[in-house]
Amino acid sequence: MGTYINKGNSEFRDIVTHEYVDKTSLIPLINATLNSERRYSCVTRSRRFGKSMAAKMLCAYYDKSCDSRELFVGLKAEQDKSFDTYLNKYRVLYLDVTSFTARPELRVNIVRNIQNEICSELKKNFPDVDYSETTDLMGVLSAIHEATGEKFFFIIDEWDAICRELPLCHKMKGAPETVTPTIMDEYVMLLRRLFKTQDSDKVFAGAYLTGILPIKRYNTESALNNFREYSMINPGRICSSFGFTHDEVLSLCQEYDMDISEMERWYDGYRIGNVSHIFNPYSVMRAIDDNRYRSYWTSTGAYDSVITYIQMNYDGLKDDIIRMLSGEHVYVDTTEFLNDMHIIRSKNDVLTVLIHLGYLAYDEDEQECFIPNKEVGDELNNAIKATSWEPLIKTIQNSKALLNATISGNEQAVASAIDLAHDENTSILSYNDENSLACVLSVAYIWAKNEYVIHREYATGKGYADLVMIPRRNVSKPALVIELKFNNSADTAIDQIKRKQYPAKIAEYTGDILLVGINYDKETKLHTCRIERSVSPCLPCVRRGHTKR
């Protein structure tokens, strides 16, 4: 088995012989592009979304040095009419770029080292070809094709690792003093030489790149504009080929006796293309293995980058982070980003790179981003704690105090805390109606998301409560029904809760219920608060243990 050519199918064999969620539906989609103008594909997803598994699957399927038929028996790809046509039909070149970025001695001249190592292995595998002393990778591949007629399928896993992991302005070895191209520039030139020259289509049946970032853009155009890109923002037809769908996770939960609602809370929330429920597959499988729901993301280079990005002083960035932590969605223009983590020029660039890194989810229809789930929210909170961003840290601390004051019935402390939240967040929105008051309260109760499921405009009784907070499973705290008034009174808000019988509906799901009325007086610019414990007729039954969660 080779390092770069003739890798065989052993790595995919290891995958399918364990718990494998069938993602072979990707194969027919790639088959449809082979030997056509669409033969070049670049798939980018955040880490731990199955990119490398898919690359190993394609290697096993296309590599003519092995027989992989048995590995696909019963899987989706086997049912497609193109399956036999391309099974084990090509020489596969497989390059994992991180195998070079992880070796410090190779970094200075990394692009030349990549070419040298692949060329050396190719020449050993095709010793009878006349290479005319060429050391250029494309020249070697062209010589092999001319001599043997062989066509290659080139897989580059983690194609963007050079951009993500190496210094931005590392000068190319031997470059004149007046010219300072970066390693990334040299790397892009290599890719263009491979995939955008006259011989490219003769040599390659197809190419498949994976990474976190889409292909680097110079001004407004991709450096490899003949590649079809499938990203977190523009996933095309391969939405469900990466990450786990809701049906797939539900099936796993049923098999392993796991709670689907907890899986949703921790790992769901990514909306990729027309698939609205995509789970982080690595975290789902770790939760099953450990029989425990927790964050399985680790502090990596991406985590360090997040800390840097959220400290950038772009207008409105910190307000948007606060709004998303409170559960809001915010608008983002993703078209400005040059797909380079070192070139961040605006708030939109920050939000876009966080989408690619998986720290934010993206709604293509609404052009909005948001925090997808608890796992990511916890990691984002950890990143914020590691920054010098004192205002948000203080906001989270104040939010915890606000929740405690609400539960203990301290009306004055609640009113004062909301006054403070209002003053701190006036830049987020105009504060002139009950809806804007609800938005400020969502921010003020950021901490409550750890212990409550929070609903805006919740259908209860004979109407809609402005804010309802239902305690999460195993949280022994009261539910909160919050009614908001603008230029009225907190007593009026409490009366409305009772009159419209909001508690009766909530009592089906929880034990004690607190009724919270909040009013904002435009003249005094102060809030008032009333808190009562529910006397719903349902409550005695609840207290006797007849609850349902």
Protein backbone atom coordinates (compact mmCIF):
# COMPACT_ATOMS: atom_id res chain seq x y z
CA MET A 1 0.00 0.00 0.00
CA GLY A 2 1.38 3.40 -0.99
CA THR A 3 1.47 6.69 0.87
CA TYR A 4 0.04 8.85 -1.92
CA ILE A 5 -0.88 6.37 -4.66
CA ASN A 6 -2.44 2.91 -4.38
CA LYS A 7 -3.56 3.54 -0.78
CA GLY A 8 -6.21 0.88 -1.17
CA ASN A 9 -9.36 0.47 0.94
CA SER A 10 -8.07 -0.51 4.39
CA GLU A 11 -8.98 2.80 6.03
CA PHE A 12 -12.58 2.67 4.76
CA ARG A 13 -12.76 -1.00 5.73
CA ASP A 14 -11.99 0.02 9.32
CA ILE A 15 -14.82 2.55 9.16
CA VAL A 16 -17.57 0.30 7.79
CA THR A 17 -16.76 -2.61 10.10
CA HIS A 18 -17.74 -0.46 13.08
CA GLU A 19 -20.86 1.67 13.62
CA TYR A 20 -21.28 3.29 10.19
CA VAL A 21 -24.04 5.67 9.16
CA ASP A 22 -24.39 5.21 5.40
CA LYS A 23 -23.09 8.29 3.57
CA THR A 24 -22.32 6.56 0.29
CA SER A 25 -25.04 8.59 -1.45
CA LEU A 26 -22.19 11.01 -2.17
CA ILE A 27 -20.64 8.56 -4.65
CA PRO A 28 -23.30 8.83 -7.40
CA LEU A 29 -23.15 12.62 -7.15
CA ILE A 30 -19.39 12.60 -7.75
CA ASN A 31 -19.73 9.93 -10.46
CA ALA A 32 -22.05 12.26 -12.38
CA THR A 33 -19.25 14.81 -12.66
CA LEU A 34 -16.40 12.55 -13.84
CA ASN A 35 -14.69 13.34 -17.14
CA SER A 36 -16.89 16.40 -17.60
CA GLU A 37 -16.46 20.12 -17.12
CA ARG A 38 -17.77 19.56 -13.56
CA ARG A 39 -15.08 17.03 -12.65
CA TYR A 40 -13.50 19.22 -9.93
CA SER A 41 -15.24 19.38 -6.54
CA CYS A 42 -14.36 21.09 -3.26
CA VAL A 43 -16.39 20.15 -0.17
CA THR A 44 -15.89 22.28 2.93
CA ARG A 45 -17.44 21.65 6.32
CA SER A 46 -16.52 22.53 9.90
CA ARG A 47 -14.37 20.05 11.77
CA ARG A 48 -15.77 16.67 12.74
CA PHE A 49 -18.47 16.64 10.09
CA GLY A 50 -17.16 13.51 8.34
CA LYS A 51 -15.03 15.11 5.59
CA SER A 52 -12.09 12.73 5.99
CA MET A 53 -14.37 9.69 6.25
CA ALA A 54 -15.93 10.66 2.92
CA ALA A 55 -12.49 11.11 1.35
CA LYS A 56 -11.44 7.62 2.50
CA MET A 57 -14.71 6.22 1.13
CA LEU A 58 -14.04 7.76 -2.30
CA CYS A 59 -10.47 6.45 -2.24
CA ALA A 60 -11.72 2.91 -1.57
CA TYR A 61 -14.37 3.20 -4.29
CA TYR A 62 -12.20 4.57 -7.13
CA ASP A 63 -8.79 2.99 -6.37
CA LYS A 64 -8.03 0.35 -9.02
CA SER A 65 -5.28 -1.21 -6.90
CA CYS A 66 -7.90 -3.05 -4.81
CA ASP A 67 -11.29 -4.76 -4.99
CA SER A 68 -13.79 -2.87 -2.81
CA ARG A 69 -17.10 -4.36 -3.91
CA GLU A 70 -17.73 -6.23 -0.65
CA LEU A 71 -17.38 -3.02 1.38
CA PHE A 72 -20.40 -1.45 -0.34
CA VAL A 73 -22.79 -4.41 -0.17
CA GLY A 74 -26.16 -3.18 1.10
CA LEU A 75 -25.15 0.49 1.08
CA LYS A 76 -26.90 3.23 -0.88
CA ALA A 77 -24.23 3.65 -3.56
CA GLU A 78 -24.53 0.02 -4.62
CA GLN A 79 -28.12 0.66 -5.76
CA ASP A 80 -27.14 3.42 -8.18
CA LYS A 81 -26.76 2.61 -11.88
CA SER A 82 -23.30 4.25 -11.98
CA PHE A 83 -21.88 2.05 -9.22
CA ASP A 84 -20.33 -0.68 -11.43
CA THR A 85 -19.19 1.81 -14.07
CA TYR A 86 -16.59 3.50 -11.87
CA LEU A 87 -15.91 0.97 -9.10
CA ASN A 88 -12.09 0.60 -8.77
CA LYS A 89 -11.46 2.14 -12.18
CA TYR A 90 -8.84 4.85 -11.54
CA ARG A 91 -5.44 5.50 -10.11
CA VAL A 92 -6.13 7.50 -6.98
CA LEU A 93 -3.73 10.10 -5.62
CA TYR A 94 -4.44 10.84 -1.97
CA LEU A 95 -2.85 13.79 -0.17
CA ASP A 96 -3.59 14.71 3.45
CA VAL A 97 -2.09 18.19 3.72
CA THR A 98 -1.97 18.02 7.53
CA SER A 99 0.66 15.27 7.22
CA PHE A 100 2.96 18.07 6.02
CA THR A 101 1.81 20.99 8.18
CA ALA A 102 2.32 18.79 11.24
CA ARG A 103 6.02 18.34 10.40
CA PRO A 104 7.92 21.54 11.36
CA GLU A 105 10.98 20.60 9.28
CA LEU A 106 8.87 20.65 6.10
CA ARG A 107 7.04 23.92 6.66
CA VAL A 108 9.49 26.44 5.21
CA ASN A 109 9.42 24.87 1.77
CA ILE A 110 6.22 22.89 2.19
CA VAL A 111 4.89 23.18 -1.37
CA ARG A 112 8.14 21.91 -2.91
CA ASN A 113 8.29 19.10 -0.33
CA ILE A 114 4.74 18.01 -1.23
CA GLN A 115 5.66 17.84 -4.90
CA ASN A 116 8.95 16.03 -4.26
CA GLU A 117 7.43 13.29 -2.10
CA ILE A 118 4.51 12.58 -4.46
CA CYS A 119 6.75 12.66 -7.55
CA SER A 120 9.20 10.25 -5.94
CA GLU A 121 6.43 7.71 -5.22
CA LEU A 122 4.92 8.10 -8.70
CA LYS A 123 8.27 7.42 -10.37
CA LYS A 124 8.72 4.25 -8.30
CA ASN A 125 5.27 3.03 -9.38
CA PHE A 126 5.85 3.88 -13.05
CA PRO A 127 9.60 3.24 -13.54
CA ASP A 128 9.44 2.77 -17.31
CA VAL A 129 8.11 6.27 -18.09
CA ASP A 130 10.51 8.87 -19.50
CA TYR A 131 10.25 11.86 -17.17
CA SER A 132 12.98 13.93 -18.88
CA GLU A 133 14.36 14.82 -15.46
CA THR A 134 11.24 16.85 -14.58
CA THR A 135 10.53 17.48 -10.88
CA ASP A 136 7.22 19.25 -11.49
CA LEU A 137 4.25 17.21 -10.26
CA MET A 138 2.01 18.06 -13.20
CA GLY A 139 4.85 17.21 -15.59
CA VAL A 140 5.26 13.79 -13.97
CA LEU A 141 1.51 13.08 -14.14
CA SER A 142 1.34 14.19 -17.77
CA ALA A 143 4.26 11.93 -18.67
CA ILE A 144 2.57 8.93 -17.01
CA HIS A 145 -0.69 9.63 -18.82
CA GLU A 146 1.01 9.96 -22.22
CA ALA A 147 2.95 6.73 -21.71
CA THR A 148 0.22 4.56 -20.17
CA GLY A 149 -3.15 6.21 -20.82
CA GLU A 150 -3.83 6.17 -17.06
CA LYS A 151 -6.20 8.82 -15.68
CA PHE A 152 -6.07 9.89 -12.07
CA PHE A 153 -8.61 10.79 -9.43
CA PHE A 154 -6.92 13.24 -7.06
CA ILE A 155 -8.16 13.54 -3.44
CA ILE A 156 -6.72 16.36 -1.31
CA ASP A 157 -7.92 16.11 2.28
CA GLU A 158 -7.73 19.29 4.43
CA TRP A 159 -6.68 21.26 1.38
CA ASP A 160 -6.73 24.56 3.33
CA ALA A 161 -4.50 23.43 6.23
CA ILE A 162 -1.65 25.54 4.83
CA CYS A 163 -3.82 28.65 4.94
CA ARG A 164 -5.15 27.86 8.41
CA GLU A 165 -2.02 26.64 10.16
CA LEU A 166 0.99 28.43 8.64
CA PRO A 167 2.04 32.10 9.00
CA LEU A 168 0.47 34.47 6.51
CA CYS A 169 3.58 36.16 5.10
CA HIS A 170 6.12 33.35 5.21
CA LYS A 171 8.45 34.18 2.33
CA MET A 172 9.12 31.56 -0.33
CA LYS A 173 12.64 30.18 -0.11
CA GLY A 174 14.87 31.69 -2.81
CA ALA A 175 12.49 34.50 -3.75
CA PRO A 176 14.14 37.85 -4.66
CA GLU A 177 14.19 40.50 -1.95
CA THR A 178 11.77 42.65 -3.95
CA VAL A 179 9.23 39.82 -4.28
CA THR A 180 7.54 38.35 -1.21
CA PRO A 181 4.91 35.84 -2.29
CA THR A 182 3.49 33.85 0.60
CA ILE A 183 3.42 30.11 1.00
CA MET A 184 -0.31 30.29 0.33
CA ASP A 185 0.33 32.05 -2.98
CA GLU A 186 2.83 29.34 -3.96
CA TYR A 187 0.35 26.65 -2.94
CA VAL A 188 -2.46 28.19 -4.99
CA MET A 189 -0.08 28.36 -7.97
CA LEU A 190 0.53 24.62 -7.60
CA LEU A 191 -3.21 23.89 -7.56
CA ARG A 192 -3.74 26.06 -10.63
CA ARG A 193 -0.91 24.24 -12.38
CA LEU A 194 -2.55 20.92 -11.56
CA PHE A 195 -6.17 21.70 -12.30
CA LYS A 196 -6.28 24.70 -14.68
CA THR A 197 -3.73 23.91 -17.38
CA GLN A 198 -4.21 22.51 -20.86
CA ASP A 199 -3.37 18.95 -19.80
CA SER A 200 -5.53 18.90 -16.62
CA ASP A 201 -8.64 17.38 -18.18
CA LYS A 202 -6.57 14.74 -19.95
CA VAL A 203 -4.80 13.66 -16.78
CA PHE A 204 -7.66 13.80 -14.25
CA ALA A 205 -10.98 11.97 -14.38
CA GLY A 206 -11.84 14.10 -11.37
CA ALA A 207 -10.52 15.82 -8.26
CA TYR A 208 -12.01 16.08 -4.80
CA LEU A 209 -10.83 18.59 -2.19
CA THR A 210 -11.99 18.79 1.41
CA GLY A 211 -11.38 21.49 3.98
CA ILE A 212 -12.94 24.00 6.34
CA LEU A 213 -12.58 27.08 4.14
CA PRO A 214 -13.77 27.41 0.55
CA ILE A 215 -11.10 28.10 -2.08
CA LYS A 216 -9.28 31.39 -1.60
CA ARG A 217 -10.61 34.35 -3.54
CA TYR A 218 -8.49 37.07 -5.09
CA ASN A 219 -10.63 40.21 -5.27
CA THR A 220 -13.99 38.61 -6.13
CA GLU A 221 -12.95 35.51 -8.09
CA SER A 222 -11.99 32.06 -6.84
CA ALA A 223 -8.38 31.06 -7.46
CA LEU A 224 -9.78 27.81 -8.93
CA ASN A 225 -13.01 28.94 -10.52
CA ASN A 226 -13.42 25.65 -12.39
CA PHE A 227 -14.12 23.88 -9.07
CA ARG A 228 -17.70 23.32 -7.94
CA GLU A 229 -17.77 24.31 -4.27
CA TYR A 230 -20.05 22.79 -1.64
CA SER A 231 -19.76 24.75 1.60
CA MET A 232 -21.62 25.34 4.87
CA ILE A 233 -23.17 28.35 3.14
CA ASN A 234 -23.73 26.94 -0.38
CA PRO A 235 -24.00 23.14 0.02
CA GLY A 236 -25.64 22.33 -3.30
CA ARG A 237 -27.08 18.83 -3.64
CA ILE A 238 -24.88 17.17 -1.04
CA CYS A 239 -26.58 18.62 2.06
CA SER A 240 -27.24 15.27 3.73
CA SER A 241 -23.93 13.64 2.73
CA PHE A 242 -22.12 15.28 5.67
CA GLY A 243 -23.32 15.46 9.24
CA PHE A 244 -26.15 13.31 10.58
CA THR A 245 -29.76 13.96 9.64
CA HIS A 246 -32.56 13.88 12.21
CA ASP A 247 -33.78 10.47 10.99
CA GLU A 248 -30.28 9.03 11.27
CA VAL A 249 -29.85 10.28 14.84
CA LEU A 250 -33.33 9.11 15.81
CA SER A 251 -32.45 5.63 14.58
CA LEU A 252 -29.22 5.66 16.60
CA CYS A 253 -31.07 6.84 19.71
CA GLN A 254 -33.58 4.02 19.39
CA GLU A 255 -30.79 1.46 18.94
CA TYR A 256 -28.72 2.68 21.89
CA ASP A 257 -31.52 3.87 24.20
CA MET A 258 -30.49 7.54 24.04
CA ASP A 259 -32.76 10.56 24.49
CA ILE A 260 -33.44 12.23 21.13
CA SER A 261 -34.48 15.49 22.80
CA GLU A 262 -31.12 15.73 24.55
CA MET A 263 -29.31 14.90 21.31
CA GLU A 264 -31.23 17.73 19.66
CA ARG A 265 -30.43 20.19 22.42
CA TRP A 266 -26.71 19.41 22.41
CA TYR A 267 -25.80 18.64 18.79
CA ASP A 268 -28.62 19.63 16.39
CA GLY A 269 -29.31 23.04 14.92
CA TYR A 270 -27.23 23.32 11.76
CA ARG A 271 -29.34 24.23 8.78
CA ILE A 272 -27.40 23.28 5.65
CA GLY A 273 -29.19 23.99 2.39
CA ASN A 274 -32.67 22.51 2.43
CA VAL A 275 -31.92 20.19 5.38
CA SER A 276 -33.01 21.95 8.55
CA HIS A 277 -31.72 19.44 11.15
CA ILE A 278 -28.05 18.52 10.82
CA PHE A 279 -26.17 17.11 13.82
CA ASN A 280 -22.44 17.07 14.50
CA PRO A 281 -21.71 13.37 13.83
CA TYR A 282 -18.54 13.12 15.92
CA SER A 283 -20.28 14.48 19.00
CA VAL A 284 -23.33 12.24 18.53
CA MET A 285 -21.15 9.12 18.38
CA ARG A 286 -19.08 10.22 21.38
CA ALA A 287 -22.26 10.81 23.37
CA ILE A 288 -23.41 7.30 22.49
CA ASP A 289 -20.03 5.78 23.39
CA ASP A 290 -19.88 7.64 26.72
CA ASN A 291 -23.63 7.44 27.41
CA ARG A 292 -23.31 11.10 28.35
CA TYR A 293 -24.24 14.42 26.76
CA ARG A 294 -21.49 17.00 26.90
CA SER A 295 -19.29 19.15 24.68
CA TYR A 296 -16.81 17.07 22.70
CA TRP A 297 -15.18 19.97 20.92
CA THR A 298 -11.60 20.52 22.04
CA SER A 299 -9.45 23.64 22.26
CA THR A 300 -7.69 23.75 18.90
CA GLY A 301 -6.32 26.38 16.55
CA ALA A 302 -9.88 27.10 15.49
CA TYR A 303 -10.82 27.82 19.11
CA ASP A 304 -7.90 30.24 19.42
CA SER A 305 -9.02 31.97 16.23
CA VAL A 306 -12.52 32.44 17.62
CA ILE A 307 -11.08 34.29 20.61
CA THR A 308 -9.19 36.59 18.24
CA TYR A 309 -12.19 37.21 15.99
CA ILE A 310 -14.74 38.07 18.67
CA GLN A 311 -12.37 40.64 20.19
CA MET A 312 -12.15 42.54 16.89
CA ASN A 313 -13.61 45.98 17.31
CA TYR A 314 -15.92 45.98 14.30
CA ASP A 315 -19.03 48.11 14.60
CA GLY A 316 -21.98 46.05 15.83
CA LEU A 317 -20.06 42.76 16.22
CA LYS A 318 -20.32 42.55 19.99
CA ASP A 319 -24.00 43.50 19.91
CA ASP A 320 -24.64 40.69 17.42
CA ILE A 321 -22.76 38.17 19.57
CA ILE A 322 -24.89 39.19 22.58
CA ARG A 323 -28.10 38.85 20.57
CA MET A 324 -27.13 35.38 19.34
CA LEU A 325 -26.21 34.22 22.83
CA SER A 326 -29.72 35.22 23.86
CA GLY A 327 -31.21 33.09 21.08
CA GLU A 328 -31.67 35.74 18.37
CA HIS A 329 -30.72 35.43 14.69
CA VAL A 330 -28.69 38.21 13.05
CA TYR A 331 -28.24 39.25 9.42
CA VAL A 332 -24.92 38.48 7.74
CA ASP A 333 -23.58 39.28 4.26
CA THR A 334 -21.42 36.25 3.42
CA THR A 335 -20.35 37.51 -0.03
CA GLU A 336 -17.53 39.77 1.20
CA PHE A 337 -15.29 37.09 2.74
CA LEU A 338 -12.18 36.19 0.71
CA ASN A 339 -11.99 32.68 2.22
CA ASP A 340 -8.78 33.53 4.04
CA MET A 341 -8.69 33.39 7.84
CA HIS A 342 -5.85 35.94 7.85
CA ILE A 343 -7.81 38.56 5.92
CA ILE A 344 -10.70 39.71 8.13
CA ARG A 345 -11.93 43.18 7.20
CA SER A 346 -15.42 43.56 8.65
CA LYS A 347 -18.08 42.24 11.00
CA ASN A 348 -19.52 40.23 8.10
CA ASP A 349 -16.14 38.54 7.57
CA VAL A 350 -16.01 37.55 11.25
CA LEU A 351 -19.52 36.09 11.20
CA THR A 352 -18.85 34.27 7.91
CA VAL A 353 -15.64 32.62 9.11
CA LEU A 354 -17.45 31.54 12.30
CA ILE A 355 -20.07 29.87 10.09
CA HIS A 356 -17.36 27.95 8.22
CA LEU A 357 -15.73 26.96 11.52
CA GLY A 358 -19.07 25.63 12.81
CA TYR A 359 -19.45 28.10 15.67
CA LEU A 360 -22.48 29.61 13.95
CA ALA A 361 -25.23 28.06 11.82
CA TYR A 362 -26.57 29.76 8.69
CA ASP A 363 -30.08 30.18 7.33
CA GLU A 364 -29.63 30.68 3.60
CA ASP A 365 -33.25 31.74 3.03
CA GLU A 366 -33.16 34.53 5.61
CA GLN A 367 -29.41 35.28 5.26
CA GLU A 368 -29.08 35.03 9.04
CA CYS A 369 -26.66 33.31 11.39
CA PHE A 370 -27.26 31.95 14.88
CA ILE A 371 -25.83 29.65 17.56
CA PRO A 372 -27.01 26.13 16.65
CA ASN A 373 -26.96 24.20 19.92
CA LYS A 374 -25.78 23.90 23.50
CA GLU A 375 -22.44 22.31 22.63
CA VAL A 376 -21.44 25.24 20.43
CA GLY A 377 -23.00 27.79 22.78
CA ASP A 378 -20.94 26.44 25.68
CA GLU A 379 -17.75 26.61 23.63
CA LEU A 380 -18.53 30.15 22.50
CA ASN A 381 -19.09 31.14 26.12
CA ASN A 382 -15.74 29.56 27.02
CA ALA A 383 -14.08 31.54 24.24
CA ILE A 384 -15.63 34.76 25.54
CA LYS A 385 -14.37 34.04 29.06
CA ALA A 386 -10.87 33.72 27.62
CA THR A 387 -11.04 37.21 26.09
CA SER A 388 -10.73 40.67 27.58
CA TRP A 389 -14.34 41.37 26.67
CA GLU A 390 -15.46 42.50 30.11
CA PRO A 391 -18.90 43.92 29.14
CA LEU A 392 -20.23 40.57 27.94
CA ILE A 393 -18.71 38.68 30.84
CA LYS A 394 -20.48 41.16 33.13
CA THR A 395 -23.73 40.72 31.17
CA ILE A 396 -23.63 36.96 31.77
CA GLN A 397 -22.91 37.46 35.48
CA ASN A 398 -25.79 39.95 35.77
CA SER A 399 -28.07 37.52 33.95
CA LYS A 400 -27.38 34.79 36.49
CA ALA A 401 -28.21 37.23 39.30
CA LEU A 402 -31.42 38.27 37.49
CA LEU A 403 -32.64 34.67 37.28
CA ASN A 404 -31.95 34.12 40.98
CA ALA A 405 -33.78 37.34 41.86
CA THR A 406 -36.77 36.29 39.76
CA ILE A 407 -37.03 32.86 41.35
CA SER A 408 -36.71 34.32 44.86
CA GLY A 409 -39.49 36.85 44.09
CA ASN A 410 -37.32 39.96 44.59
CA GLU A 411 -39.34 42.36 42.45
CA GLN A 412 -37.14 45.41 43.01
CA ALA A 413 -33.95 43.50 42.14
CA VAL A 414 -35.59 42.20 38.96
CA ALA A 415 -36.69 45.68 37.90
CA SER A 416 -33.22 47.11 38.61
CA ALA A 417 -31.52 44.29 36.69
CA ILE A 418 -33.73 44.88 33.65
CA ASP A 419 -33.03 48.63 33.88
CA LEU A 420 -29.34 47.76 33.71
CA ALA A 421 -29.81 45.35 30.78
CA HIS A 422 -31.79 48.04 28.94
CA ASP A 423 -29.06 50.64 29.48
CA GLU A 424 -26.32 48.25 28.37
CA ASN A 425 -28.09 47.14 25.20
CA THR A 426 -29.75 50.25 23.82
CA SER A 427 -27.45 50.04 20.80
CA ILE A 428 -29.01 46.71 19.78
CA LEU A 429 -32.51 47.98 19.00
CA SER A 430 -34.92 50.87 19.40
CA TYR A 431 -36.77 50.51 22.68
CA ASN A 432 -40.28 51.70 21.94
CA ASP A 433 -42.72 48.80 22.18
CA GLU A 434 -43.37 45.45 23.87
CA ASN A 435 -41.51 43.53 21.16
CA SER A 436 -38.29 45.47 21.73
CA LEU A 437 -38.77 44.98 25.48
CA ALA A 438 -38.99 41.22 24.80
CA CYS A 439 -35.72 41.37 22.86
CA VAL A 440 -33.97 43.10 25.75
CA LEU A 441 -35.37 40.50 28.16
CA SER A 442 -34.01 37.72 25.93
CA VAL A 443 -30.57 39.25 26.40
CA ALA A 444 -31.13 39.84 30.13
CA TYR A 445 -32.01 36.17 30.65
CA ILE A 446 -29.03 34.77 28.66
CA TRP A 447 -27.95 32.65 31.62
CA ALA A 448 -31.38 31.04 31.94
CA LYS A 449 -30.82 29.12 28.69
CA ASN A 450 -28.59 26.76 30.69
CA GLU A 451 -31.54 25.60 32.80
CA TYR A 452 -34.67 26.52 30.83
CA VAL A 453 -36.23 26.09 27.42
CA ILE A 454 -37.20 29.65 26.51
CA HIS A 455 -40.15 30.42 24.24
CA ARG A 456 -41.11 33.77 22.73
CA GLU A 457 -44.83 34.27 21.92
CA TYR A 458 -45.80 30.91 23.48
CA ALA A 459 -49.35 29.65 22.80
CA THR A 460 -50.97 29.16 26.22
CA GLY A 461 -54.54 29.23 27.44
CA LYS A 462 -56.54 31.84 25.49
CA GLY A 463 -53.61 33.69 23.93
CA TYR A 464 -49.88 34.04 23.63
CA ALA A 465 -47.59 34.69 26.58
CA ASP A 466 -44.72 37.04 25.74
CA LEU A 467 -42.02 34.89 27.32
CA VAL A 468 -42.32 31.41 28.81
CA MET A 469 -39.43 29.59 30.46
CA ILE A 470 -39.93 25.88 31.13
CA PRO A 471 -37.27 24.13 33.26
CA ARG A 472 -35.20 21.52 31.51
CA ARG A 473 -35.33 17.90 32.52
CA ASN A 474 -33.96 17.29 36.01
CA VAL A 475 -33.97 21.03 36.81
CA SER A 476 -35.97 21.58 40.01
CA LYS A 477 -36.94 25.20 39.48
CA PRO A 478 -40.29 26.86 38.78
CA ALA A 479 -41.51 27.71 35.31
CA LEU A 480 -41.77 31.41 34.50
CA VAL A 481 -44.62 33.04 32.58
CA ILE A 482 -43.57 36.60 31.74
CA GLU A 483 -45.98 39.21 30.38
CA LEU A 484 -44.65 42.55 29.16
CA LYS A 485 -46.30 45.95 29.07
CA PHE A 486 -45.17 49.28 27.65
CA ASN A 487 -46.44 52.48 29.33
CA ASN A 488 -48.94 50.55 31.39
CA SER A 489 -48.40 48.68 34.67
CA ALA A 490 -46.92 45.44 35.98
CA ASP A 491 -50.25 44.71 37.72
CA THR A 492 -52.02 44.86 34.35
CA ALA A 493 -49.53 42.33 33.01
CA ILE A 494 -50.27 39.94 35.90
CA ASP A 495 -54.01 40.36 35.40
CA GLN A 496 -53.66 39.44 31.73
CA ILE A 497 -51.74 36.26 32.61
CA LYS A 498 -54.58 35.20 34.93
CA ARG A 499 -57.41 36.29 32.66
CA LYS A 500 -56.06 34.37 29.67
CA GLN A 501 -55.32 31.28 31.76
CA TYR A 502 -51.68 30.97 30.72
CA PRO A 503 -50.65 28.87 33.76
CA ALA A 504 -53.19 26.13 33.05
CA LYS A 505 -51.33 25.08 29.92
CA ILE A 506 -47.85 25.39 31.45
CA ALA A 507 -48.86 23.27 34.47
CA GLU A 508 -49.08 20.22 32.19
CA TYR A 509 -45.30 20.32 31.78
CA THR A 510 -43.87 21.50 35.06
CA GLY A 511 -44.41 21.96 38.78
CA ASP A 512 -44.44 25.40 40.38
CA ILE A 513 -45.11 28.40 38.17
CA LEU A 514 -44.17 32.03 38.74
CA LEU A 515 -46.18 34.79 37.09
CA VAL A 516 -43.97 37.75 36.22
CA GLY A 517 -45.40 41.07 35.04
CA ILE A 518 -42.95 43.69 33.74
CA ASN A 519 -43.76 47.22 32.59
CA TYR A 520 -41.57 49.94 31.12
CA ASP A 521 -42.52 53.57 31.72
CA LYS A 522 -41.34 55.77 28.86
CA GLU A 523 -41.46 58.94 30.96
CA THR A 524 -39.43 57.70 33.94
CA LYS A 525 -37.40 55.29 31.77
CA LEU A 526 -37.72 52.71 34.53
CA HIS A 527 -39.13 49.19 34.76
CA THR A 528 -41.49 47.88 37.41
CA CYS A 529 -42.07 44.24 38.27
CA ARG A 530 -44.72 42.10 39.98
CA ILE A 531 -44.14 38.42 40.78
CA GLU A 532 -46.80 35.99 42.00
CA ARG A 533 -46.86 32.26 42.47
CA SER A 534 -49.52 30.59 40.36
CA VAL A 535 -52.73 29.41 41.99
CA SER A 536 -53.77 27.50 38.86
CA PRO A 537 -56.33 24.76 39.59
CA CYS A 538 -53.94 22.37 37.89
CA LEU A 539 -51.22 23.04 40.42
CA PRO A 540 -52.43 20.84 43.32
CA CYS A 541 -52.37 17.87 40.98
CA VAL A 542 -48.88 18.80 39.89
CA ARG A 543 -47.69 19.05 43.50
CA ARG A 544 -49.05 15.57 44.19
CA GLY A 545 -46.69 14.29 41.48
CA HIS A 546 -49.07 14.13 38.49
CA THR A 547 -46.68 15.95 36.17
CA LYS A 548 -45.54 15.20 32.70
CA ARG A 549 -42.36 16.51 31.21
